[in-house]
């Protein structure tokens, strides 16, 4: 089989795995180094928990859902939940280059969530 044909036939899996790696990396980063992210946690969330705790919980969430996405388990619903999670994150951040990346990832997640699985 020609390499391009092979890649085309697995394009949905390539996208899904790439998105999973992004969430696994950011999630693990939140778990292993929460101090790197606490400055991004809005101050009003202090009534819920400390910024470090929220970053840790969010990291666990991203790792669990990243693993589900990677393993192709409940892919549509998982991708949609990650899409909603990223939309929520986008509402908390100010505009900048990172937001452009996050919008792109969010739209890719929406696409994966809407793609029928065979």
PDB file of N, CA and C in Angstrom:
ATOM      1  N   UNK A   1       0.856  -1.174   0.000  1.00  0.00           N
ATOM      2  CA  UNK A   1       0.000   0.000   0.000  1.00  0.00           C
ATOM      3  C   UNK A   1       0.906   1.242   0.000  1.00  0.00           C
ATOM      4  N   UNK A   2       0.543   2.186  -0.807  1.00  0.00           N
ATOM      5  CA  UNK A   2       1.266   3.448  -0.881  1.00  0.00           C
ATOM      6  C   UNK A   2       1.168   4.183   0.454  1.00  0.00           C
ATOM      7  N   UNK A   3       2.260   4.807   0.893  1.00  0.00           N
ATOM      8  CA  UNK A   3       2.301   5.448   2.217  1.00  0.00           C
ATOM      9  C   UNK A   3       1.213   6.505   2.379  1.00  0.00           C
ATOM     10  N   UNK A   4       0.981   7.302   1.344  1.00  0.00           N
ATOM     11  CA  UNK A   4      -0.027   8.357   1.439  1.00  0.00           C
ATOM     12  C   UNK A   4      -1.428   7.758   1.576  1.00  0.00           C
ATOM     13  N   UNK A   5      -1.689   6.701   0.857  1.00  0.00           N
ATOM     14  CA  UNK A   5      -2.981   6.024   0.970  1.00  0.00           C
ATOM     15  C   UNK A   5      -3.167   5.469   2.377  1.00  0.00           C
ATOM     16  N   UNK A   6      -2.110   4.875   2.911  1.00  0.00           N
ATOM     17  CA  UNK A   6      -2.166   4.340   4.273  1.00  0.00           C
ATOM     18  C   UNK A   6      -2.460   5.456   5.274  1.00  0.00           C
ATOM     19  N   UNK A   7      -1.735   6.572   5.151  1.00  0.00           N
ATOM     20  CA  UNK A   7      -1.949   7.689   6.067  1.00  0.00           C
ATOM     21  C   UNK A   7      -3.351   8.254   5.941  1.00  0.00           C
ATOM     22  N   UNK A   8      -3.847   8.366   4.716  1.00  0.00           N
ATOM     23  CA  UNK A   8      -5.219   8.875   4.526  1.00  0.00           C
ATOM     24  C   UNK A   8      -6.235   7.954   5.188  1.00  0.00           C
ATOM     25  N   UNK A   9      -6.008   6.670   5.075  1.00  0.00           N
ATOM     26  CA  UNK A   9      -6.977   5.725   5.647  1.00  0.00           C
ATOM     27  C   UNK A   9      -6.958   5.760   7.178  1.00  0.00           C
ATOM     28  N   UNK A  10      -5.920   6.344   7.748  1.00  0.00           N
ATOM     29  CA  UNK A  10      -5.816   6.426   9.211  1.00  0.00           C
ATOM     30  C   UNK A  10      -5.806   7.872   9.706  1.00  0.00           C
ATOM     31  N   UNK A  11      -6.281   8.796   8.878  1.00  0.00           N
ATOM     32  CA  UNK A  11      -6.207  10.216   9.242  1.00  0.00           C
ATOM     33  C   UNK A  11      -6.998  10.530  10.514  1.00  0.00           C
ATOM     34  N   UNK A  12      -8.138   9.908  10.710  1.00  0.00           N
ATOM     35  CA  UNK A  12      -8.918  10.155  11.927  1.00  0.00           C
ATOM     36  C   UNK A  12      -8.163   9.671  13.164  1.00  0.00           C
ATOM     37  N   UNK A  13      -7.514   8.528  13.047  1.00  0.00           N
ATOM     38  CA  UNK A  13      -6.735   8.005  14.176  1.00  0.00           C
ATOM     39  C   UNK A  13      -5.527   8.891  14.465  1.00  0.00           C
ATOM     40  N   UNK A  14      -4.881   9.392  13.423  1.00  0.00           N
ATOM     41  CA  UNK A  14      -3.732  10.279  13.607  1.00  0.00           C
ATOM     42  C   UNK A  14      -4.159  11.539  14.353  1.00  0.00           C
ATOM     43  N   UNK A  15      -5.284  12.120  13.966  1.00  0.00           N
ATOM     44  CA  UNK A  15      -5.789  13.310  14.638  1.00  0.00           C
ATOM     45  C   UNK A  15      -6.146  12.998  16.090  1.00  0.00           C
ATOM     46  N   UNK A  16      -6.837  11.906  16.317  1.00  0.00           N
ATOM     47  CA  UNK A  16      -7.251  11.513  17.668  1.00  0.00           C
ATOM     48  C   UNK A  16      -6.042  11.299  18.574  1.00  0.00           C
ATOM     49  N   UNK A  17      -5.040  10.581  18.086  1.00  0.00           N
ATOM     50  CA  UNK A  17      -3.843  10.313  18.883  1.00  0.00           C
ATOM     51  C   UNK A  17      -3.062  11.605  19.139  1.00  0.00           C
ATOM     52  N   UNK A  18      -2.960  12.468  18.148  1.00  0.00           N
ATOM     53  CA  UNK A  18      -2.279  13.743  18.338  1.00  0.00           C
ATOM     54  C   UNK A  18      -2.955  14.600  19.395  1.00  0.00           C
ATOM     55  N   UNK A  19      -4.269  14.658  19.361  1.00  0.00           N
ATOM     56  CA  UNK A  19      -5.012  15.402  20.382  1.00  0.00           C
ATOM     57  C   UNK A  19      -4.833  14.768  21.757  1.00  0.00           C
ATOM     58  N   UNK A  20      -4.847  13.446  21.800  1.00  0.00           N
ATOM     59  CA  UNK A  20      -4.654  12.754  23.079  1.00  0.00           C
ATOM     60  C   UNK A  20      -3.300  13.103  23.674  1.00  0.00           C
ATOM     61  N   UNK A  21      -2.259  13.128  22.851  1.00  0.00           N
ATOM     62  CA  UNK A  21      -0.929  13.465  23.367  1.00  0.00           C
ATOM     63  C   UNK A  21      -0.891  14.876  23.936  1.00  0.00           C
ATOM     64  N   UNK A  22      -1.586  15.814  23.300  1.00  0.00           N
ATOM     65  CA  UNK A  22      -1.627  17.181  23.828  1.00  0.00           C
ATOM     66  C   UNK A  22      -2.230  17.188  25.232  1.00  0.00           C
ATOM     67  N   UNK A  23      -3.343  16.491  25.425  1.00  0.00           N
ATOM     68  CA  UNK A  23      -3.983  16.468  26.742  1.00  0.00           C
ATOM     69  C   UNK A  23      -3.176  15.669  27.756  1.00  0.00           C
ATOM     70  N   UNK A  24      -2.528  14.610  27.302  1.00  0.00           N
ATOM     71  CA  UNK A  24      -1.671  13.854  28.219  1.00  0.00           C
ATOM     72  C   UNK A  24      -0.487  14.704  28.677  1.00  0.00           C
ATOM     73  N   UNK A  25       0.116  15.456  27.767  1.00  0.00           N
ATOM     74  CA  UNK A  25       1.255  16.302  28.138  1.00  0.00           C
ATOM     75  C   UNK A  25       0.830  17.399  29.096  1.00  0.00           C
ATOM     76  N   UNK A  26      -0.217  18.149  28.735  1.00  0.00           N
ATOM     77  CA  UNK A  26      -0.657  19.243  29.603  1.00  0.00           C
ATOM     78  C   UNK A  26      -1.186  18.719  30.935  1.00  0.00           C
ATOM     79  N   UNK A  27      -1.891  17.599  30.903  1.00  0.00           N
ATOM     80  CA  UNK A  27      -2.390  17.020  32.143  1.00  0.00           C
ATOM     81  C   UNK A  27      -1.262  16.581  33.049  1.00  0.00           C
ATOM     82  N   UNK A  28      -0.283  15.876  32.488  1.00  0.00           N
ATOM     83  CA  UNK A  28       0.845  15.433  33.296  1.00  0.00           C
ATOM     84  C   UNK A  28       1.627  16.632  33.815  1.00  0.00           C
ATOM     85  N   UNK A  29       1.733  17.667  33.015  1.00  0.00           N
ATOM     86  CA  UNK A  29       2.413  18.886  33.444  1.00  0.00           C
ATOM     87  C   UNK A  29       1.707  19.499  34.655  1.00  0.00           C
ATOM     88  N   UNK A  30       0.371  19.487  34.636  1.00  0.00           N
ATOM     89  CA  UNK A  30      -0.394  19.998  35.774  1.00  0.00           C
ATOM     90  C   UNK A  30      -0.227  19.162  37.020  1.00  0.00           C
ATOM     91  N   UNK A  31      -0.075  17.850  36.843  1.00  0.00           N
ATOM     92  CA  UNK A  31       0.108  16.946  37.983  1.00  0.00           C
ATOM     93  C   UNK A  31       1.531  17.047  38.533  1.00  0.00           C
ATOM     94  N   UNK A  32       2.507  17.027  37.648  1.00  0.00           N
ATOM     95  CA  UNK A  32       3.904  16.968  38.088  1.00  0.00           C
ATOM     96  C   UNK A  32       4.488  18.329  38.452  1.00  0.00           C
ATOM     97  N   UNK A  33       3.913  19.415  37.921  1.00  0.00           N
ATOM     98  CA  UNK A  33       4.437  20.748  38.207  1.00  0.00           C
ATOM     99  C   UNK A  33       3.293  21.760  38.267  1.00  0.00           C
ATOM    100  N   UNK A  34       2.403  21.624  39.245  1.00  0.00           N
ATOM    101  CA  UNK A  34       1.243  22.524  39.296  1.00  0.00           C
ATOM    102  C   UNK A  34       1.631  23.992  39.452  1.00  0.00           C
ATOM    103  N   UNK A  35       2.778  24.260  40.069  1.00  0.00           N
ATOM    104  CA  UNK A  35       3.191  25.654  40.261  1.00  0.00           C
ATOM    105  C   UNK A  35       3.401  26.389  38.945  1.00  0.00           C
ATOM    106  N   UNK A  36       3.678  25.651  37.880  1.00  0.00           N
ATOM    107  CA  UNK A  36       3.851  26.263  36.568  1.00  0.00           C
ATOM    108  C   UNK A  36       2.541  26.881  36.068  1.00  0.00           C
ATOM    109  N   UNK A  37       1.410  26.389  36.555  1.00  0.00           N
ATOM    110  CA  UNK A  37       0.110  26.780  36.031  1.00  0.00           C
ATOM    111  C   UNK A  37      -0.736  27.612  36.984  1.00  0.00           C
ATOM    112  N   UNK A  38      -0.394  27.653  38.259  1.00  0.00           N
ATOM    113  CA  UNK A  38      -1.276  28.304  39.235  1.00  0.00           C
ATOM    114  C   UNK A  38      -1.517  29.780  38.933  1.00  0.00           C
ATOM    115  N   UNK A  39      -0.576  30.443  38.280  1.00  0.00           N
ATOM    116  CA  UNK A  39      -0.769  31.867  37.975  1.00  0.00           C
ATOM    117  C   UNK A  39      -1.905  32.089  36.973  1.00  0.00           C
ATOM    118  N   UNK A  40      -2.309  31.045  36.268  1.00  0.00           N
ATOM    119  CA  UNK A  40      -3.383  31.167  35.284  1.00  0.00           C
ATOM    120  C   UNK A  40      -4.763  30.922  35.892  1.00  0.00           C
ATOM    121  N   UNK A  41      -4.801  30.466  37.133  1.00  0.00           N
ATOM    122  CA  UNK A  41      -6.075  30.169  37.797  1.00  0.00           C
ATOM    123  C   UNK A  41      -6.682  31.483  38.284  1.00  0.00           C
ATOM    124  N   UNK A  42      -7.925  31.786  37.873  1.00  0.00           N
ATOM    125  CA  UNK A  42      -8.561  33.030  38.317  1.00  0.00           C
ATOM    126  C   UNK A  42      -8.710  33.078  39.842  1.00  0.00           C
ATOM    127  N   UNK A  43      -8.565  34.250  40.412  1.00  0.00           N
ATOM    128  CA  UNK A  43      -8.611  34.398  41.867  1.00  0.00           C
ATOM    129  C   UNK A  43      -9.971  34.022  42.449  1.00  0.00           C
ATOM    130  N   UNK A  44     -11.048  34.229  41.697  1.00  0.00           N
ATOM    131  CA  UNK A  44     -12.379  33.941  42.229  1.00  0.00           C
ATOM    132  C   UNK A  44     -12.571  32.460  42.522  1.00  0.00           C
ATOM    133  N   UNK A  45     -11.734  31.591  41.937  1.00  0.00           N
ATOM    134  CA  UNK A  45     -11.892  30.154  42.180  1.00  0.00           C
ATOM    135  C   UNK A  45     -11.392  29.745  43.555  1.00  0.00           C
ATOM    136  N   UNK A  46     -10.801  30.698  44.297  1.00  0.00           N
ATOM    137  CA  UNK A  46     -10.319  30.411  45.645  1.00  0.00           C
ATOM    138  C   UNK A  46     -11.412  29.950  46.594  1.00  0.00           C
ATOM    139  N   UNK A  47     -12.661  30.262  46.280  1.00  0.00           N
ATOM    140  CA  UNK A  47     -13.769  29.793  47.119  1.00  0.00           C
ATOM    141  C   UNK A  47     -14.022  28.296  46.912  1.00  0.00           C
ATOM    142  N   UNK A  48     -13.528  27.762  45.793  1.00  0.00           N
ATOM    143  CA  UNK A  48     -13.711  26.338  45.487  1.00  0.00           C
ATOM    144  C   UNK A  48     -12.581  25.519  46.109  1.00  0.00           C
ATOM    145  N   UNK A  49     -11.345  25.920  45.816  1.00  0.00           N
ATOM    146  CA  UNK A  49     -10.156  25.222  46.315  1.00  0.00           C
ATOM    147  C   UNK A  49      -8.945  26.098  46.029  1.00  0.00           C
ATOM    148  N   UNK A  50      -7.812  25.688  46.541  1.00  0.00           N
ATOM    149  CA  UNK A  50      -6.586  26.446  46.264  1.00  0.00           C
ATOM    150  C   UNK A  50      -6.225  26.302  44.790  1.00  0.00           C
ATOM    151  N   UNK A  51      -5.522  27.275  44.233  1.00  0.00           N
ATOM    152  CA  UNK A  51      -5.114  27.157  42.821  1.00  0.00           C
ATOM    153  C   UNK A  51      -4.326  25.879  42.546  1.00  0.00           C
ATOM    154  N   UNK A  52      -3.428  25.493  43.448  1.00  0.00           N
ATOM    155  CA  UNK A  52      -2.659  24.265  43.249  1.00  0.00           C
ATOM    156  C   UNK A  52      -3.531  23.024  43.173  1.00  0.00           C
ATOM    157  N   UNK A  53      -4.546  22.977  44.032  1.00  0.00           N
ATOM    158  CA  UNK A  53      -5.479  21.838  44.018  1.00  0.00           C
ATOM    159  C   UNK A  53      -6.273  21.811  42.720  1.00  0.00           C
ATOM    160  N   UNK A  54      -6.742  22.965  42.268  1.00  0.00           N
ATOM    161  CA  UNK A  54      -7.506  23.021  41.022  1.00  0.00           C
ATOM    162  C   UNK A  54      -6.654  22.602  39.823  1.00  0.00           C
ATOM    163  N   UNK A  55      -5.405  23.046  39.794  1.00  0.00           N
ATOM    164  CA  UNK A  55      -4.507  22.646  38.709  1.00  0.00           C
ATOM    165  C   UNK A  55      -4.281  21.139  38.747  1.00  0.00           C
ATOM    166  N   UNK A  56      -4.065  20.590  39.930  1.00  0.00           N
ATOM    167  CA  UNK A  56      -3.865  19.149  40.078  1.00  0.00           C
ATOM    168  C   UNK A  56      -5.091  18.364  39.611  1.00  0.00           C
ATOM    169  N   UNK A  57      -6.271  18.783  40.037  1.00  0.00           N
ATOM    170  CA  UNK A  57      -7.505  18.102  39.620  1.00  0.00           C
ATOM    171  C   UNK A  57      -7.717  18.205  38.118  1.00  0.00           C
ATOM    172  N   UNK A  58      -7.435  19.377  37.565  1.00  0.00           N
ATOM    173  CA  UNK A  58      -7.578  19.556  36.115  1.00  0.00           C
ATOM    174  C   UNK A  58      -6.573  18.683  35.375  1.00  0.00           C
ATOM    175  N   UNK A  59      -5.367  18.559  35.921  1.00  0.00           N
ATOM    176  CA  UNK A  59      -4.365  17.688  35.310  1.00  0.00           C
ATOM    177  C   UNK A  59      -4.811  16.235  35.301  1.00  0.00           C
ATOM    178  N   UNK A  60      -5.376  15.783  36.416  1.00  0.00           N
ATOM    179  CA  UNK A  60      -5.891  14.404  36.482  1.00  0.00           C
ATOM    180  C   UNK A  60      -6.996  14.205  35.459  1.00  0.00           C
ATOM    181  N   UNK A  61      -7.914  15.171  35.371  1.00  0.00           N
ATOM    182  CA  UNK A  61      -8.993  15.115  34.384  1.00  0.00           C
ATOM    183  C   UNK A  61      -8.414  14.973  32.975  1.00  0.00           C
ATOM    184  N   UNK A  62      -7.420  15.813  32.643  1.00  0.00           N
ATOM    185  CA  UNK A  62      -6.858  15.780  31.292  1.00  0.00           C
ATOM    186  C   UNK A  62      -6.129  14.473  31.010  1.00  0.00           C
ATOM    187  N   UNK A  63      -5.439  13.922  31.996  1.00  0.00           N
ATOM    188  CA  UNK A  63      -4.758  12.645  31.781  1.00  0.00           C
ATOM    189  C   UNK A  63      -5.774  11.522  31.566  1.00  0.00           C
ATOM    190  N   UNK A  64      -6.804  11.469  32.400  1.00  0.00           N
ATOM    191  CA  UNK A  64      -7.813  10.410  32.264  1.00  0.00           C
ATOM    192  C   UNK A  64      -8.507  10.499  30.908  1.00  0.00           C
ATOM    193  N   UNK A  65      -8.953  11.693  30.541  1.00  0.00           N
ATOM    194  CA  UNK A  65      -9.664  11.832  29.271  1.00  0.00           C
ATOM    195  C   UNK A  65      -8.714  11.714  28.077  1.00  0.00           C
ATOM    196  N   UNK A  66      -7.463  12.124  28.254  1.00  0.00           N
ATOM    197  CA  UNK A  66      -6.465  11.924  27.206  1.00  0.00           C
ATOM    198  C   UNK A  66      -6.215  10.442  26.953  1.00  0.00           C
ATOM    199  N   UNK A  67      -6.153   9.654  28.023  1.00  0.00           N
ATOM    200  CA  UNK A  67      -5.979   8.210  27.876  1.00  0.00           C
ATOM    201  C   UNK A  67      -7.176   7.567  27.182  1.00  0.00           C
ATOM    202  N   UNK A  68      -8.376   8.010  27.561  1.00  0.00           N
ATOM    203  CA  UNK A  68      -9.579   7.487  26.890  1.00  0.00           C
ATOM    204  C   UNK A  68      -9.567   7.818  25.408  1.00  0.00           C
ATOM    205  N   UNK A  69      -9.180   9.045  25.080  1.00  0.00           N
ATOM    206  CA  UNK A  69      -9.116   9.450  23.676  1.00  0.00           C
ATOM    207  C   UNK A  69      -8.054   8.632  22.940  1.00  0.00           C
ATOM    208  N   UNK A  70      -6.888   8.478  23.563  1.00  0.00           N
ATOM    209  CA  UNK A  70      -5.809   7.697  22.960  1.00  0.00           C
ATOM    210  C   UNK A  70      -6.252   6.261  22.693  1.00  0.00           C
ATOM    211  N   UNK A  71      -6.936   5.666  23.661  1.00  0.00           N
ATOM    212  CA  UNK A  71      -7.357   4.270  23.557  1.00  0.00           C
ATOM    213  C   UNK A  71      -8.602   4.086  22.690  1.00  0.00           C
ATOM    214  N   UNK A  72      -9.149   5.179  22.181  1.00  0.00           N
ATOM    215  CA  UNK A  72     -10.341   5.128  21.317  1.00  0.00           C
ATOM    216  C   UNK A  72     -11.543   4.539  22.065  1.00  0.00           C
ATOM    217  N   UNK A  73     -11.676   4.940  23.336  1.00  0.00           N
ATOM    218  CA  UNK A  73     -12.791   4.505  24.174  1.00  0.00           C
ATOM    219  C   UNK A  73     -13.764   5.666  24.310  1.00  0.00           C
ATOM    220  N   UNK A  74     -15.004   5.454  23.923  1.00  0.00           N
ATOM    221  CA  UNK A  74     -16.048   6.490  23.980  1.00  0.00           C
ATOM    222  C   UNK A  74     -15.563   7.781  23.302  1.00  0.00           C
ATOM    223  N   UNK A  75     -14.951   7.629  22.157  1.00  0.00           N
ATOM    224  CA  UNK A  75     -14.238   8.731  21.506  1.00  0.00           C
ATOM    225  C   UNK A  75     -15.103   9.958  21.277  1.00  0.00           C
ATOM    226  N   UNK A  76     -16.296   9.779  20.736  1.00  0.00           N
ATOM    227  CA  UNK A  76     -17.157  10.936  20.475  1.00  0.00           C
ATOM    228  C   UNK A  76     -17.491  11.722  21.734  1.00  0.00           C
ATOM    229  N   UNK A  77     -18.044  11.059  22.748  1.00  0.00           N
ATOM    230  CA  UNK A  77     -18.360  11.785  23.980  1.00  0.00           C
ATOM    231  C   UNK A  77     -17.117  12.359  24.680  1.00  0.00           C
ATOM    232  N   UNK A  78     -16.015  11.612  24.691  1.00  0.00           N
ATOM    233  CA  UNK A  78     -14.790  12.097  25.336  1.00  0.00           C
ATOM    234  C   UNK A  78     -14.279  13.341  24.619  1.00  0.00           C
ATOM    235  N   UNK A  79     -14.243  13.300  23.289  1.00  0.00           N
ATOM    236  CA  UNK A  79     -13.779  14.465  22.523  1.00  0.00           C
ATOM    237  C   UNK A  79     -14.689  15.664  22.773  1.00  0.00           C
ATOM    238  N   UNK A  80     -15.990  15.424  22.891  1.00  0.00           N
ATOM    239  CA  UNK A  80     -16.912  16.534  23.133  1.00  0.00           C
ATOM    240  C   UNK A  80     -16.715  17.116  24.537  1.00  0.00           C
ATOM    241  N   UNK A  81     -16.502  16.266  25.530  1.00  0.00           N
ATOM    242  CA  UNK A  81     -16.239  16.756  26.886  1.00  0.00           C
ATOM    243  C   UNK A  81     -14.939  17.565  26.914  1.00  0.00           C
ATOM    244  N   UNK A  82     -13.907  17.074  26.220  1.00  0.00           N
ATOM    245  CA  UNK A  82     -12.655  17.829  26.152  1.00  0.00           C
ATOM    246  C   UNK A  82     -12.849  19.148  25.406  1.00  0.00           C
ATOM    247  N   UNK A  83     -13.689  19.143  24.386  1.00  0.00           N
ATOM    248  CA  UNK A  83     -14.025  20.372  23.657  1.00  0.00           C
ATOM    249  C   UNK A  83     -14.669  21.379  24.613  1.00  0.00           C
ATOM    250  N   UNK A  84     -15.666  20.936  25.385  1.00  0.00           N
ATOM    251  CA  UNK A  84     -16.327  21.833  26.339  1.00  0.00           C
ATOM    252  C   UNK A  84     -15.344  22.318  27.408  1.00  0.00           C
ATOM    253  N   UNK A  85     -14.485  21.433  27.877  1.00  0.00           N
ATOM    254  CA  UNK A  85     -13.475  21.802  28.866  1.00  0.00           C
ATOM    255  C   UNK A  85     -12.548  22.885  28.305  1.00  0.00           C
ATOM    256  N   UNK A  86     -12.144  22.722  27.062  1.00  0.00           N
ATOM    257  CA  UNK A  86     -11.248  23.709  26.459  1.00  0.00           C
ATOM    258  C   UNK A  86     -11.974  25.024  26.216  1.00  0.00           C
ATOM    259  N   UNK A  87     -13.255  24.972  25.848  1.00  0.00           N
ATOM    260  CA  UNK A  87     -14.024  26.215  25.719  1.00  0.00           C
ATOM    261  C   UNK A  87     -14.085  26.950  27.052  1.00  0.00           C
ATOM    262  N   UNK A  88     -14.288  26.206  28.134  1.00  0.00           N
ATOM    263  CA  UNK A  88     -14.309  26.811  29.469  1.00  0.00           C
ATOM    264  C   UNK A  88     -12.960  27.459  29.769  1.00  0.00           C
ATOM    265  N   UNK A  89     -11.885  26.749  29.476  1.00  0.00           N
ATOM    266  CA  UNK A  89     -10.544  27.299  29.689  1.00  0.00           C
ATOM    267  C   UNK A  89     -10.348  28.572  28.879  1.00  0.00           C
ATOM    268  N   UNK A  90     -10.841  28.580  27.652  1.00  0.00           N
ATOM    269  CA  UNK A  90     -10.694  29.762  26.794  1.00  0.00           C
ATOM    270  C   UNK A  90     -11.421  30.967  27.369  1.00  0.00           C
ATOM    271  N   UNK A  91     -12.521  30.734  28.073  1.00  0.00           N
ATOM    272  CA  UNK A  91     -13.249  31.868  28.664  1.00  0.00           C
ATOM    273  C   UNK A  91     -12.490  32.474  29.844  1.00  0.00           C
ATOM    274  N   UNK A  92     -11.551  31.714  30.419  1.00  0.00           N
ATOM    275  CA  UNK A  92     -10.798  32.192  31.568  1.00  0.00           C
ATOM    276  C   UNK A  92      -9.513  32.931  31.181  1.00  0.00           C
ATOM    277  N   UNK A  93      -9.061  32.754  29.951  1.00  0.00           N
ATOM    278  CA  UNK A  93      -7.785  33.317  29.516  1.00  0.00           C
ATOM    279  C   UNK A  93      -7.992  34.579  28.694  1.00  0.00           C
ATOM    280  N   UNK A  94      -6.980  35.415  28.688  1.00  0.00           N
ATOM    281  CA  UNK A  94      -7.035  36.599  27.825  1.00  0.00           C
ATOM    282  C   UNK A  94      -6.486  36.229  26.447  1.00  0.00           C
ATOM    283  N   UNK A  95      -6.822  37.043  25.458  1.00  0.00           N
ATOM    284  CA  UNK A  95      -6.434  36.769  24.083  1.00  0.00           C
ATOM    285  C   UNK A  95      -4.919  36.775  23.941  1.00  0.00           C
ATOM    286  N   UNK A  96      -4.401  35.876  23.168  1.00  0.00           N
ATOM    287  CA  UNK A  96      -2.976  35.826  22.900  1.00  0.00           C
ATOM    288  C   UNK A  96      -2.656  34.652  21.994  1.00  0.00           C
ATOM    289  N   UNK A  97      -1.389  34.457  21.678  1.00  0.00           N
ATOM    290  CA  UNK A  97      -0.993  33.382  20.757  1.00  0.00           C
ATOM    291  C   UNK A  97      -1.408  31.999  21.242  1.00  0.00           C
ATOM    292  N   UNK A  98      -1.396  31.785  22.558  1.00  0.00           N
ATOM    293  CA  UNK A  98      -1.787  30.473  23.080  1.00  0.00           C
ATOM    294  C   UNK A  98      -3.264  30.211  22.814  1.00  0.00           C
ATOM    295  N   UNK A  99      -4.068  31.263  22.852  1.00  0.00           N
ATOM    296  CA  UNK A  99      -5.495  31.094  22.613  1.00  0.00           C
ATOM    297  C   UNK A  99      -5.758  30.625  21.178  1.00  0.00           C
ATOM    298  N   UNK A 100      -4.970  31.096  20.230  1.00  0.00           N
ATOM    299  CA  UNK A 100      -5.122  30.656  18.834  1.00  0.00           C
ATOM    300  C   UNK A 100      -4.916  29.149  18.749  1.00  0.00           C
ATOM    301  N   UNK A 101      -3.886  28.658  19.439  1.00  0.00           N
ATOM    302  CA  UNK A 101      -3.631  27.216  19.457  1.00  0.00           C
ATOM    303  C   UNK A 101      -4.805  26.478  20.090  1.00  0.00           C
ATOM    304  N   UNK A 102      -5.298  26.998  21.214  1.00  0.00           N
ATOM    305  CA  UNK A 102      -6.382  26.330  21.923  1.00  0.00           C
ATOM    306  C   UNK A 102      -7.679  26.319  21.124  1.00  0.00           C
ATOM    307  N   UNK A 103      -7.957  27.383  20.386  1.00  0.00           N
ATOM    308  CA  UNK A 103      -9.143  27.403  19.515  1.00  0.00           C
ATOM    309  C   UNK A 103      -9.003  26.333  18.442  1.00  0.00           C
ATOM    310  N   UNK A 104      -7.813  26.198  17.881  1.00  0.00           N
ATOM    311  CA  UNK A 104      -7.576  25.176  16.855  1.00  0.00           C
ATOM    312  C   UNK A 104      -7.777  23.778  17.433  1.00  0.00           C
ATOM    313  N   UNK A 105      -7.233  23.532  18.617  1.00  0.00           N
ATOM    314  CA  UNK A 105      -7.413  22.226  19.260  1.00  0.00           C
ATOM    315  C   UNK A 105      -8.885  21.994  19.574  1.00  0.00           C
ATOM    316  N   UNK A 106      -9.590  23.021  20.047  1.00  0.00           N
ATOM    317  CA  UNK A 106     -11.015  22.881  20.362  1.00  0.00           C
ATOM    318  C   UNK A 106     -11.810  22.496  19.116  1.00  0.00           C
ATOM    319  N   UNK A 107     -11.526  23.152  18.003  1.00  0.00           N
ATOM    320  CA  UNK A 107     -12.255  22.827  16.775  1.00  0.00           C
ATOM    321  C   UNK A 107     -11.915  21.425  16.276  1.00  0.00           C
ATOM    322  N   UNK A 108     -10.666  20.999  16.444  1.00  0.00           N
ATOM    323  CA  UNK A 108     -10.298  19.636  16.071  1.00  0.00           C
ATOM    324  C   UNK A 108     -11.046  18.628  16.951  1.00  0.00           C
ATOM    325  N   UNK A 109     -11.167  18.925  18.247  1.00  0.00           N
ATOM    326  CA  UNK A 109     -11.931  18.057  19.146  1.00  0.00           C
ATOM    327  C   UNK A 109     -13.396  17.995  18.746  1.00  0.00           C
ATOM    328  N   UNK A 110     -13.959  19.139  18.380  1.00  0.00           N
ATOM    329  CA  UNK A 110     -15.353  19.151  17.932  1.00  0.00           C
ATOM    330  C   UNK A 110     -15.503  18.274  16.693  1.00  0.00           C
ATOM    331  N   UNK A 111     -14.557  18.381  15.768  1.00  0.00           N
ATOM    332  CA  UNK A 111     -14.600  17.543  14.573  1.00  0.00           C
ATOM    333  C   UNK A 111     -14.536  16.064  14.916  1.00  0.00           C
ATOM    334  N   UNK A 112     -13.632  15.695  15.816  1.00  0.00           N
ATOM    335  CA  UNK A 112     -13.528  14.291  16.220  1.00  0.00           C
ATOM    336  C   UNK A 112     -14.818  13.830  16.897  1.00  0.00           C
ATOM    337  N   UNK A 113     -15.393  14.700  17.716  1.00  0.00           N
ATOM    338  CA  UNK A 113     -16.620  14.312  18.425  1.00  0.00           C
ATOM    339  C   UNK A 113     -17.797  14.094  17.476  1.00  0.00           C
ATOM    340  N   UNK A 114     -17.773  14.775  16.337  1.00  0.00           N
ATOM    341  CA  UNK A 114     -18.883  14.682  15.387  1.00  0.00           C
ATOM    342  C   UNK A 114     -18.653  13.626  14.297  1.00  0.00           C
ATOM    343  N   UNK A 115     -17.452  13.070  14.240  1.00  0.00           N
ATOM    344  CA  UNK A 115     -17.130  12.090  13.207  1.00  0.00           C
ATOM    345  C   UNK A 115     -17.649  10.728  13.619  1.00  0.00           C
ATOM    346  N   UNK A 116     -18.484  10.121  12.769  1.00  0.00           N
ATOM    347  CA  UNK A 116     -18.994   8.784  13.107  1.00  0.00           C
ATOM    348  C   UNK A 116     -17.846   7.781  13.191  1.00  0.00           C
ATOM    349  N   UNK A 117     -17.840   6.967  14.226  1.00  0.00           N
ATOM    350  CA  UNK A 117     -16.808   5.942  14.391  1.00  0.00           C
ATOM    351  C   UNK A 117     -17.242   4.674  13.671  1.00  0.00           C
ATOM    352  N   UNK A 118     -16.297   4.058  12.983  1.00  0.00           N
ATOM    353  CA  UNK A 118     -16.622   2.823  12.260  1.00  0.00           C
ATOM    354  C   UNK A 118     -16.073   1.615  12.947  1.00  0.00           C
TER     355      UNK A 118
END
